[in-house]
Amino acid sequence: MRPTRIAILLSGSGRTMVNISEQINAGRLNAEIAAAVSSRTNCKGNKRAEKLGLTPEIIRPRDYADVDKFSGKIDDLLREREIDLAVQAGWLCYWKIPSGYENRVMNIHPALLPSFGGKGMWGHHVHEAVLKRGCKVSGCTVHFCSNEYDAGPIILQRTCPVFAYDSPETLADRVFEQERIAYPEAIELFCENRLTVQNGIVHIKASREQNA
């Protein structure tokens, strides 16, 4: 079965991209990273992409007149590279999901959606909000993207405890350990054609039907 062609979209450190690459190299994901897209000219993720043998495509919102043109550039790249699945990995830019890519763009959020999501809720902002609210449990959510922040169909979630002594940094580390498990699991479900979406709800099929 041919590997699922993945595009990684990043804006930061690229550690999620590295995790996905490690899972592929270990034979746990029937996928290949066919493109890396970065929204910044200088970020750690670009260097990590190069170490993985990838040439990051720099696509910055500021270089385009509006969100439609910015989104169109990403759309062009996805189609040129024949991408099956776009994976947002620390991607911080709003873009419009192109026609034909509905339920083919994934994101991971460092909280249990629909709580602590939406515009401006990323990274330490999320963990600060979780601690301020006094939550006893946090975690991560993998979801398909829609044109609304953090509102697409939920694929899977993993949880972790929140302790009284936690800082945003310690909680972030604990949540990321769950992200390292959850994202590859969701991607593999996609690779095996086990995800269907009906009325905004993701259903996971029991049998494997890998891409031809």
Protein backbone atom coordinates (compact mmCIF):
# COMPACT_ATOMS: atom_id res chain seq x y z
CA MET A 1 0.00 0.00 0.00
CA ARG A 2 1.39 3.39 -0.89
CA PRO A 3 2.30 5.69 2.00
CA THR A 4 -0.04 8.58 2.79
CA ARG A 5 1.57 11.82 1.60
CA ILE A 6 1.66 14.32 4.46
CA ALA A 7 2.38 18.04 4.52
CA ILE A 8 3.53 19.46 7.86
CA LEU A 9 2.50 23.06 8.59
CA LEU A 10 4.60 24.69 11.31
CA SER A 11 5.29 28.04 12.91
CA GLY A 12 7.57 27.15 15.81
CA SER A 13 9.98 24.56 17.15
CA GLY A 14 8.97 21.67 14.91
CA ARG A 15 9.08 19.09 17.70
CA THR A 16 5.72 17.64 16.64
CA MET A 17 7.09 17.22 13.12
CA VAL A 18 10.11 15.39 14.54
CA ASN A 19 7.84 13.09 16.54
CA ILE A 20 5.81 12.23 13.44
CA SER A 21 9.00 11.61 11.45
CA GLU A 22 10.29 9.28 14.17
CA GLN A 23 7.05 7.31 14.09
CA ILE A 24 7.31 6.97 10.30
CA ASN A 25 10.94 5.85 10.47
CA ALA A 26 10.05 3.29 13.13
CA GLY A 27 7.48 1.77 10.79
CA ARG A 28 4.51 2.77 12.94
CA LEU A 29 3.00 5.10 10.34
CA ASN A 30 2.40 4.19 6.71
CA ALA A 31 3.14 7.76 5.63
CA GLU A 32 5.79 10.04 4.22
CA ILE A 33 6.39 13.72 4.84
CA ALA A 34 6.14 15.09 1.31
CA ALA A 35 6.24 18.79 2.23
CA ALA A 36 7.03 21.10 5.13
CA VAL A 37 5.41 24.54 5.16
CA SER A 38 6.60 27.23 7.55
CA SER A 39 4.94 30.56 8.27
CA ARG A 40 8.21 32.06 9.53
CA THR A 41 11.59 32.62 7.93
CA ASN A 42 13.44 32.08 11.19
CA CYS A 43 12.19 29.39 13.51
CA LYS A 44 13.68 26.25 14.98
CA GLY A 45 11.26 24.13 12.99
CA ASN A 46 12.90 25.17 9.71
CA LYS A 47 16.27 23.85 10.85
CA ARG A 48 14.69 20.67 12.13
CA ALA A 49 12.97 20.18 8.78
CA GLU A 50 16.31 20.53 7.00
CA LYS A 51 17.85 17.92 9.31
CA LEU A 52 15.06 15.59 8.22
CA GLY A 53 16.03 16.15 4.59
CA LEU A 54 13.14 18.53 3.91
CA THR A 55 13.28 21.96 2.32
CA PRO A 56 10.75 24.10 4.19
CA GLU A 57 8.48 26.16 1.98
CA ILE A 58 8.17 29.62 3.53
CA ILE A 59 4.61 30.91 3.17
CA ARG A 60 4.01 33.96 5.37
CA PRO A 61 0.66 35.73 5.73
CA ARG A 62 2.37 39.13 5.54
CA ASP A 63 3.51 38.41 2.00
CA TYR A 64 -0.04 38.20 0.67
CA ALA A 65 -2.71 40.84 0.23
CA ASP A 66 -5.37 38.92 2.12
CA VAL A 67 -6.24 35.57 3.66
CA ASP A 68 -7.67 34.28 0.39
CA LYS A 69 -4.38 34.76 -1.46
CA PHE A 70 -2.43 33.32 1.47
CA SER A 71 -4.72 30.31 1.59
CA GLY A 72 -4.53 29.92 -2.18
CA LYS A 73 -0.75 29.63 -2.04
CA ILE A 74 -0.99 26.81 0.49
CA ASP A 75 -3.69 25.15 -1.61
CA ASP A 76 -1.44 25.32 -4.68
CA LEU A 77 1.40 23.62 -2.82
CA LEU A 78 -0.83 20.86 -1.44
CA ARG A 79 -2.06 20.03 -4.92
CA GLU A 80 1.37 20.28 -6.57
CA ARG A 81 2.80 17.83 -4.03
CA GLU A 82 -0.27 15.57 -4.24
CA ILE A 83 -0.79 15.81 -0.50
CA ASP A 84 -3.30 13.42 1.06
CA LEU A 85 -3.28 14.96 4.55
CA ALA A 86 -2.13 18.35 5.86
CA VAL A 87 -0.96 18.20 9.47
CA GLN A 88 -0.79 21.41 11.49
CA ALA A 89 2.09 21.03 13.92
CA GLY A 90 2.37 24.22 15.94
CA TRP A 91 0.89 26.19 13.02
CA LEU A 92 -0.37 29.58 14.24
CA CYS A 93 -1.85 31.12 11.08
CA TYR A 94 -5.47 31.27 10.03
CA TRP A 95 -6.10 29.98 6.52
CA LYS A 96 -9.17 28.79 4.69
CA ILE A 97 -9.45 25.07 4.12
CA PRO A 98 -9.47 24.60 0.33
CA SER A 99 -12.20 22.81 -1.55
CA GLY A 100 -11.42 19.12 -1.66
CA TYR A 101 -9.47 19.19 1.60
CA GLU A 102 -12.42 19.04 3.98
CA ASN A 103 -11.56 16.45 6.65
CA ARG A 104 -8.05 16.23 5.23
CA VAL A 105 -6.44 18.86 7.46
CA MET A 106 -5.64 17.93 11.07
CA ASN A 107 -4.69 19.98 14.09
CA ILE A 108 -3.74 19.14 17.66
CA HIS A 109 -4.81 21.43 20.49
CA PRO A 110 -3.21 21.32 23.97
CA ALA A 111 -6.51 21.11 25.87
CA LEU A 112 -9.73 19.15 25.87
CA LEU A 113 -11.87 20.91 23.30
CA PRO A 114 -14.34 22.53 23.22
CA SER A 115 -12.89 24.00 26.44
CA PHE A 116 -9.99 26.45 26.21
CA GLY A 117 -10.06 26.81 22.44
CA GLY A 118 -10.60 29.61 19.96
CA LYS A 119 -8.63 32.53 18.63
CA GLY A 120 -5.63 33.43 20.76
CA MET A 121 -5.73 30.15 22.69
CA TRP A 122 -2.43 28.49 21.91
CA GLY A 123 0.67 27.38 23.79
CA HIS A 124 1.13 28.84 27.25
CA HIS A 125 -2.10 30.84 26.97
CA VAL A 126 -4.04 27.57 27.07
CA HIS A 127 -2.19 26.14 30.06
CA GLU A 128 -2.45 29.41 31.98
CA ALA A 129 -6.22 29.40 31.43
CA VAL A 130 -6.52 25.76 32.53
CA LEU A 131 -4.64 26.49 35.76
CA LYS A 132 -6.55 29.70 36.42
CA ARG A 133 -9.83 27.80 36.13
CA GLY A 134 -8.64 25.20 38.62
CA CYS A 135 -9.08 22.23 36.30
CA LYS A 136 -8.11 18.84 37.70
CA VAL A 137 -7.69 17.22 34.28
CA SER A 138 -6.28 18.52 31.01
CA GLY A 139 -4.99 16.87 27.87
CA CYS A 140 -4.99 17.23 24.11
CA THR A 141 -7.44 17.02 21.24
CA VAL A 142 -6.78 15.98 17.65
CA HIS A 143 -9.42 17.30 15.29
CA PHE A 144 -10.10 17.96 11.65
CA CYS A 145 -9.87 21.66 10.83
CA SER A 146 -12.73 23.85 9.74
CA ASN A 147 -12.69 27.55 8.92
CA GLU A 148 -13.36 28.34 12.58
CA TYR A 149 -10.64 28.13 15.23
CA ASP A 150 -10.58 24.78 17.05
CA ALA A 151 -14.14 23.95 15.98
CA GLY A 152 -13.70 21.04 13.56
CA PRO A 153 -14.78 17.44 14.22
CA ILE A 154 -12.91 15.81 17.11
CA ILE A 155 -10.96 12.67 16.17
CA LEU A 156 -9.56 11.66 19.55
CA GLN A 157 -8.52 13.02 22.93
CA ARG A 158 -6.04 12.00 25.61
CA THR A 159 -6.02 13.22 29.19
CA CYS A 160 -3.52 13.89 31.95
CA PRO A 161 -3.84 15.09 35.55
CA VAL A 162 -3.37 18.68 36.65
CA PHE A 163 -1.58 19.07 39.97
CA ALA A 164 -1.82 21.91 42.49
CA TYR A 165 1.88 22.67 42.10
CA ASP A 166 1.76 22.90 38.30
CA SER A 167 3.05 25.87 36.35
CA PRO A 168 2.12 26.47 32.71
CA GLU A 169 5.48 24.94 31.80
CA THR A 170 5.12 21.73 33.80
CA LEU A 171 1.57 21.25 32.57
CA ALA A 172 2.67 21.88 28.98
CA ASP A 173 5.32 19.16 29.28
CA ARG A 174 2.79 16.66 30.61
CA VAL A 175 0.25 17.49 27.92
CA PHE A 176 2.91 17.20 25.21
CA GLU A 177 3.64 13.63 26.28
CA GLN A 178 0.02 12.86 25.44
CA GLU A 179 0.30 14.78 22.16
CA ARG A 180 3.23 12.56 21.15
CA ILE A 181 0.89 9.57 21.39
CA ALA A 182 -2.35 11.10 20.14
CA TYR A 183 -1.22 12.73 16.90
CA PRO A 184 0.47 9.68 15.36
CA GLU A 185 -2.53 7.57 16.40
CA ALA A 186 -4.94 9.93 14.63
CA ILE A 187 -2.75 10.10 11.54
CA GLU A 188 -2.54 6.31 11.37
CA LEU A 189 -6.34 6.07 11.57
CA PHE A 190 -6.46 8.39 8.56
CA CYS A 191 -3.82 6.34 6.72
CA GLU A 192 -5.91 3.22 7.29
CA ASN A 193 -9.09 4.92 5.98
CA ARG A 194 -10.76 4.32 9.33
CA LEU A 195 -12.15 7.84 9.84
CA THR A 196 -15.56 8.93 8.62
CA VAL A 197 -17.40 12.15 9.46
CA GLN A 198 -21.17 12.31 9.70
CA ASN A 199 -23.03 15.39 10.91
CA GLY A 200 -19.85 16.81 12.41
CA ILE A 201 -19.04 13.64 14.37
CA VAL A 202 -15.98 11.48 13.65
CA HIS A 203 -16.61 7.74 13.61
CA ILE A 204 -13.73 5.26 13.79
CA LYS A 205 -14.12 2.06 11.80
CA ALA A 206 -12.79 -1.14 13.33
CA SER A 207 -11.31 -2.60 10.14
CA ARG A 208 -8.25 -1.37 8.28
CA GLU A 209 -8.58 -0.21 4.69
CA GLN A 210 -5.21 1.19 3.76
CA ASN A 211 -4.76 3.59 0.86
CA ALA A 212 -4.17 1.88 -2.47
